[in-house]
Amino acid sequence: MTICEHLAQADDPPARTPEGCEECLATGSGWVHLRRCLACGHVGCCDSSPNKHATRHFQGVGHPVIESFEPGENWRWCFVHAQMA
């Protein structure tokens, strides 16, 4: 299987908040795992977290690809095509 165009063309911007989920830090909320948007560098919490900010970021602005922002993990996910690389 070939990877989708979103995964193939994903950028690598710096994390906007390397210390954690942008929204959770602002509200004092917690998270489980972190994801970084490969269009703008937004760092959001995963869908196992109470607020699911990474998915909400995609739903709000349409940036299609995130990657794990966890040490030792090396994967990317395209929301549009539900495909991992």
Protein backbone atom coordinates (compact mmCIF):
# COMPACT_ATOMS: atom_id res chain seq x y z
CA MET A 1 0.00 0.00 0.00
CA THR A 2 1.29 3.45 -0.86
CA ILE A 3 0.96 6.28 1.61
CA CYS A 4 -1.46 9.11 0.91
CA GLU A 5 -0.37 12.49 -0.43
CA HIS A 6 -0.85 14.16 2.97
CA LEU A 7 1.62 11.82 4.67
CA ALA A 8 4.04 11.98 1.73
CA GLN A 9 4.06 15.80 1.73
CA ALA A 10 3.92 16.45 5.50
CA ASP A 11 6.14 19.22 6.78
CA ASP A 12 8.23 19.20 9.99
CA PRO A 13 7.53 22.46 11.88
CA PRO A 14 8.88 23.02 15.39
CA ALA A 15 6.50 22.31 18.27
CA ARG A 16 4.69 25.46 19.38
CA THR A 17 4.57 24.22 23.00
CA PRO A 18 7.26 21.56 23.51
CA GLU A 19 6.30 21.23 27.19
CA GLY A 20 2.81 19.85 26.54
CA CYS A 21 -0.67 20.23 25.06
CA GLU A 22 -1.26 23.86 24.16
CA GLU A 23 -4.88 24.02 25.34
CA CYS A 24 -4.40 21.82 28.42
CA LEU A 25 -1.51 23.98 29.59
CA ALA A 26 -3.72 27.07 29.21
CA THR A 27 -6.59 25.54 31.20
CA GLY A 28 -4.62 23.49 33.73
CA SER A 29 -5.99 20.22 32.37
CA GLY A 30 -4.04 16.96 32.03
CA TRP A 31 -3.34 14.65 29.11
CA VAL A 32 -2.30 11.07 28.36
CA HIS A 33 -0.13 11.37 25.21
CA LEU A 34 0.86 14.22 22.92
CA ARG A 35 0.56 14.70 19.16
CA ARG A 36 2.20 17.37 16.97
CA CYS A 37 0.51 18.85 13.90
CA LEU A 38 2.83 18.64 10.91
CA ALA A 39 1.31 21.70 9.26
CA CYS A 40 1.73 24.27 12.04
CA GLY A 41 3.46 22.65 15.03
CA HIS A 42 0.39 22.71 17.32
CA VAL A 43 0.87 20.23 20.17
CA GLY A 44 -2.37 18.62 21.31
CA CYS A 45 -3.42 15.73 23.49
CA CYS A 46 -4.44 12.34 22.07
CA ASP A 47 -7.91 10.82 21.88
CA SER A 48 -7.27 8.88 25.11
CA SER A 49 -6.99 12.24 26.88
CA PRO A 50 -10.15 13.87 28.26
CA ASN A 51 -10.09 16.84 25.84
CA LYS A 52 -8.78 15.25 22.60
CA HIS A 53 -7.17 18.51 21.48
CA ALA A 54 -5.17 17.02 18.58
CA THR A 55 -8.36 15.77 16.90
CA ARG A 56 -10.17 19.01 17.74
CA HIS A 57 -7.34 20.93 16.08
CA PHE A 58 -7.83 18.90 12.89
CA GLN A 59 -11.61 19.41 13.02
CA GLY A 60 -11.17 23.15 13.55
CA VAL A 61 -8.47 24.01 11.05
CA GLY A 62 -8.25 20.97 8.76
CA HIS A 63 -4.53 20.24 9.07
CA PRO A 64 -4.49 16.57 8.05
CA VAL A 65 -1.34 15.02 9.56
CA ILE A 66 -0.14 14.58 13.13
CA GLU A 67 2.75 12.64 14.54
CA SER A 68 3.36 11.19 17.96
CA PHE A 69 5.13 13.69 20.19
CA GLU A 70 6.12 10.99 22.67
CA PRO A 71 9.75 9.99 23.25
CA GLY A 72 10.64 6.78 21.43
CA GLU A 73 7.59 6.82 19.14
CA ASN A 74 7.98 7.43 15.42
CA TRP A 75 4.66 7.36 13.57
CA ARG A 76 2.40 9.73 11.65
CA TRP A 77 -1.38 9.72 11.13
CA CYS A 78 -3.50 11.23 8.37
CA PHE A 79 -6.97 12.15 9.63
CA VAL A 80 -8.35 12.51 6.10
CA HIS A 81 -7.41 9.02 4.89
CA ALA A 82 -7.25 7.28 8.31
CA GLN A 83 -3.78 6.08 7.38
CA MET A 84 -0.65 5.61 9.48
CA ALA A 85 2.94 5.80 8.35
